[in-house]
């Protein structure tokens, strides 16, 4: 399975990553240690991520970055 990962926000505690599985056309978000490989057990749907109230500044930064990426994609930038 091919998996593409993009860091949305990170600090010394961990990293929020956007995960895309091209073969399945699925998009997920996960939080994990900064240098850890992505683990499907930790993945949540983008819908679930967007619906959650941020639990802290890093989570808020990741949410803001994801929203920015979506807006850029939809405006053609």
N, C-alpha and C. Protein backbone atom coordinates (compact mmCIF):
# COMPACT_ATOMS: atom_id res chain seq x y z
N UNK A 1 0.86 -1.18 0.00
CA UNK A 1 0.00 0.00 0.00
C UNK A 1 0.90 1.24 0.00
N UNK A 2 0.67 2.11 -0.94
CA UNK A 2 1.39 3.37 -1.01
C UNK A 2 0.71 4.38 -0.11
N UNK A 3 1.50 5.08 0.69
CA UNK A 3 0.97 6.08 1.62
C UNK A 3 1.81 7.34 1.48
N UNK A 4 1.16 8.47 1.30
CA UNK A 4 1.82 9.76 1.26
C UNK A 4 1.48 10.51 2.55
N UNK A 5 2.50 11.08 3.18
CA UNK A 5 2.29 11.79 4.45
C UNK A 5 2.79 13.22 4.31
N UNK A 6 2.05 14.16 4.90
CA UNK A 6 2.39 15.57 4.87
C UNK A 6 2.25 16.12 6.28
N UNK A 7 3.29 16.75 6.79
CA UNK A 7 3.25 17.29 8.14
C UNK A 7 2.43 18.58 8.17
N UNK A 8 1.40 18.58 9.01
CA UNK A 8 0.56 19.77 9.18
C UNK A 8 1.12 20.68 10.26
N UNK A 9 1.62 20.09 11.35
CA UNK A 9 2.19 20.84 12.48
C UNK A 9 2.97 19.87 13.34
N UNK A 10 4.08 20.35 13.90
CA UNK A 10 4.88 19.48 14.75
C UNK A 10 5.63 20.28 15.80
N UNK A 11 5.97 19.59 16.87
CA UNK A 11 6.86 20.12 17.91
C UNK A 11 7.63 18.94 18.48
N UNK A 12 8.29 19.12 19.60
CA UNK A 12 9.10 18.04 20.15
C UNK A 12 8.28 16.89 20.71
N UNK A 13 6.98 17.10 20.95
CA UNK A 13 6.10 16.04 21.47
C UNK A 13 5.55 15.14 20.38
N UNK A 14 5.34 15.70 19.19
CA UNK A 14 4.74 14.90 18.13
C UNK A 14 4.41 15.72 16.91
N UNK A 15 3.76 15.06 15.97
CA UNK A 15 3.45 15.66 14.68
C UNK A 15 2.05 15.27 14.24
N UNK A 16 1.29 16.26 13.80
CA UNK A 16 0.02 16.02 13.13
C UNK A 16 0.33 15.87 11.65
N UNK A 17 -0.11 14.75 11.05
CA UNK A 17 0.18 14.49 9.64
C UNK A 17 -1.10 14.21 8.86
N UNK A 18 -1.11 14.70 7.63
CA UNK A 18 -2.16 14.39 6.68
C UNK A 18 -1.69 13.16 5.91
N UNK A 19 -2.49 12.12 5.84
CA UNK A 19 -2.13 10.86 5.21
C UNK A 19 -3.06 10.62 4.03
N UNK A 20 -2.47 10.34 2.85
CA UNK A 20 -3.26 10.04 1.67
C UNK A 20 -2.87 8.65 1.17
N UNK A 21 -3.88 7.82 0.94
CA UNK A 21 -3.68 6.48 0.39
C UNK A 21 -4.23 6.50 -1.03
N UNK A 22 -3.36 6.76 -2.03
CA UNK A 22 -3.82 6.94 -3.41
C UNK A 22 -4.57 5.73 -3.98
N UNK A 23 -4.13 4.51 -3.63
CA UNK A 23 -4.77 3.31 -4.17
C UNK A 23 -6.23 3.20 -3.75
N UNK A 24 -6.55 3.75 -2.58
CA UNK A 24 -7.91 3.67 -2.05
C UNK A 24 -8.66 5.00 -2.11
N UNK A 25 -7.94 6.07 -2.49
CA UNK A 25 -8.50 7.42 -2.52
C UNK A 25 -9.07 7.83 -1.16
N UNK A 26 -8.32 7.50 -0.10
CA UNK A 26 -8.71 7.85 1.27
C UNK A 26 -7.73 8.87 1.83
N UNK A 27 -8.27 9.79 2.62
CA UNK A 27 -7.49 10.84 3.25
C UNK A 27 -7.73 10.78 4.75
N UNK A 28 -6.65 10.78 5.51
CA UNK A 28 -6.72 10.66 6.97
C UNK A 28 -5.84 11.71 7.63
N UNK A 29 -5.98 11.83 8.95
CA UNK A 29 -5.09 12.65 9.77
C UNK A 29 -4.66 11.79 10.94
N UNK A 30 -3.41 11.95 11.37
CA UNK A 30 -2.92 11.23 12.54
C UNK A 30 -1.99 12.10 13.35
N UNK A 31 -1.84 11.74 14.62
CA UNK A 31 -0.85 12.37 15.49
C UNK A 31 0.07 11.27 15.99
N UNK A 32 1.38 11.54 15.94
CA UNK A 32 2.34 10.56 16.42
C UNK A 32 3.66 11.21 16.76
N UNK A 33 4.58 10.43 17.31
CA UNK A 33 5.92 10.94 17.63
C UNK A 33 6.56 11.56 16.39
N UNK A 34 7.42 12.58 16.58
CA UNK A 34 7.97 13.33 15.45
C UNK A 34 8.64 12.49 14.36
N UNK A 35 9.40 11.47 14.74
CA UNK A 35 10.14 10.69 13.74
C UNK A 35 9.53 9.32 13.46
N UNK A 36 8.35 9.06 13.97
CA UNK A 36 7.73 7.75 13.81
C UNK A 36 7.13 7.59 12.42
N UNK A 37 7.13 6.34 11.95
CA UNK A 37 6.43 6.03 10.71
C UNK A 37 4.93 6.10 10.95
N UNK A 38 4.19 6.33 9.88
CA UNK A 38 2.75 6.39 10.00
C UNK A 38 2.20 5.00 10.31
N UNK A 39 1.15 4.94 11.13
CA UNK A 39 0.57 3.68 11.56
C UNK A 39 -0.95 3.74 11.36
N UNK A 40 -1.50 2.88 10.48
CA UNK A 40 -2.94 2.92 10.21
C UNK A 40 -3.82 2.87 11.45
N UNK A 41 -3.33 2.30 12.53
CA UNK A 41 -4.10 2.24 13.78
C UNK A 41 -4.39 3.65 14.30
N UNK A 42 -3.49 4.60 14.04
CA UNK A 42 -3.63 5.96 14.55
C UNK A 42 -4.41 6.89 13.63
N UNK A 43 -4.79 6.42 12.46
CA UNK A 43 -5.45 7.29 11.49
C UNK A 43 -6.89 7.59 11.89
N UNK A 44 -7.31 8.84 11.64
CA UNK A 44 -8.72 9.21 11.80
C UNK A 44 -9.17 9.86 10.50
N UNK A 45 -10.44 9.81 10.22
CA UNK A 45 -10.93 10.43 9.00
C UNK A 45 -10.75 11.95 9.08
N UNK A 46 -10.65 12.57 7.93
CA UNK A 46 -10.57 14.03 7.88
C UNK A 46 -11.83 14.63 8.49
N UNK A 47 -12.97 13.99 8.25
CA UNK A 47 -14.23 14.47 8.83
C UNK A 47 -14.15 14.51 10.36
N UNK A 48 -13.64 13.44 10.95
CA UNK A 48 -13.51 13.40 12.41
C UNK A 48 -12.54 14.47 12.91
N UNK A 49 -11.44 14.65 12.20
CA UNK A 49 -10.46 15.66 12.60
C UNK A 49 -11.06 17.06 12.54
N UNK A 50 -11.80 17.36 11.47
CA UNK A 50 -12.41 18.68 11.33
C UNK A 50 -13.51 18.93 12.36
N UNK A 51 -14.15 17.87 12.80
CA UNK A 51 -15.26 18.02 13.75
C UNK A 51 -14.80 18.15 15.20
N UNK A 52 -13.55 17.80 15.48
CA UNK A 52 -13.04 17.85 16.86
C UNK A 52 -12.62 19.27 17.24
N UNK A 53 -12.91 19.64 18.46
CA UNK A 53 -12.40 20.90 19.00
C UNK A 53 -10.92 20.69 19.29
N UNK A 54 -10.04 21.61 18.83
CA UNK A 54 -8.60 21.45 19.06
C UNK A 54 -8.28 21.30 20.54
N UNK A 55 -7.38 20.35 20.84
CA UNK A 55 -7.02 20.06 22.22
C UNK A 55 -5.84 20.90 22.72
N UNK A 56 -5.28 21.71 21.86
CA UNK A 56 -4.15 22.55 22.25
C UNK A 56 -3.66 23.35 21.05
N UNK A 57 -2.60 24.10 21.26
CA UNK A 57 -2.07 24.98 20.21
C UNK A 57 -1.58 24.21 18.99
N UNK A 58 -0.90 23.09 19.21
CA UNK A 58 -0.38 22.31 18.08
C UNK A 58 -1.52 21.74 17.25
N UNK A 59 -2.54 21.24 17.93
CA UNK A 59 -3.72 20.72 17.24
C UNK A 59 -4.40 21.85 16.45
N UNK A 60 -4.51 23.02 17.05
CA UNK A 60 -5.12 24.19 16.36
C UNK A 60 -4.29 24.56 15.13
N UNK A 61 -2.96 24.55 15.25
CA UNK A 61 -2.10 24.86 14.11
C UNK A 61 -2.30 23.85 12.98
N UNK A 62 -2.43 22.58 13.34
CA UNK A 62 -2.66 21.54 12.32
C UNK A 62 -4.01 21.75 11.64
N UNK A 63 -5.03 22.07 12.41
CA UNK A 63 -6.35 22.32 11.84
C UNK A 63 -6.31 23.53 10.91
N UNK A 64 -5.67 24.60 11.34
CA UNK A 64 -5.55 25.80 10.50
C UNK A 64 -4.82 25.49 9.21
N UNK A 65 -3.75 24.68 9.28
CA UNK A 65 -2.97 24.34 8.09
C UNK A 65 -3.79 23.49 7.13
N UNK A 66 -4.56 22.54 7.65
CA UNK A 66 -5.41 21.71 6.79
C UNK A 66 -6.46 22.57 6.10
N UNK A 67 -7.09 23.46 6.83
CA UNK A 67 -8.10 24.34 6.23
C UNK A 67 -7.45 25.22 5.16
N UNK A 68 -6.25 25.71 5.41
CA UNK A 68 -5.53 26.52 4.43
C UNK A 68 -5.24 25.72 3.16
N UNK A 69 -4.80 24.47 3.32
CA UNK A 69 -4.54 23.62 2.15
C UNK A 69 -5.79 23.38 1.32
N UNK A 70 -6.90 23.13 2.00
CA UNK A 70 -8.17 22.91 1.30
C UNK A 70 -8.57 24.17 0.55
N UNK A 71 -8.47 25.33 1.19
CA UNK A 71 -8.83 26.60 0.53
C UNK A 71 -7.93 26.89 -0.67
N UNK A 72 -6.62 26.63 -0.53
CA UNK A 72 -5.69 26.84 -1.65
C UNK A 72 -6.04 25.92 -2.82
N UNK A 73 -6.33 24.67 -2.52
CA UNK A 73 -6.67 23.71 -3.57
C UNK A 73 -7.95 24.12 -4.30
N UNK A 74 -8.92 24.61 -3.55
CA UNK A 74 -10.20 24.96 -4.16
C UNK A 74 -10.15 26.29 -4.91
N UNK A 75 -9.20 27.14 -4.56
CA UNK A 75 -9.10 28.43 -5.27
C UNK A 75 -8.12 28.35 -6.44
N UNK A 76 -7.49 27.19 -6.62
CA UNK A 76 -6.60 27.01 -7.76
C UNK A 76 -5.20 27.57 -7.56
N UNK A 77 -4.79 27.82 -6.33
CA UNK A 77 -3.44 28.35 -6.07
C UNK A 77 -2.47 27.24 -5.83
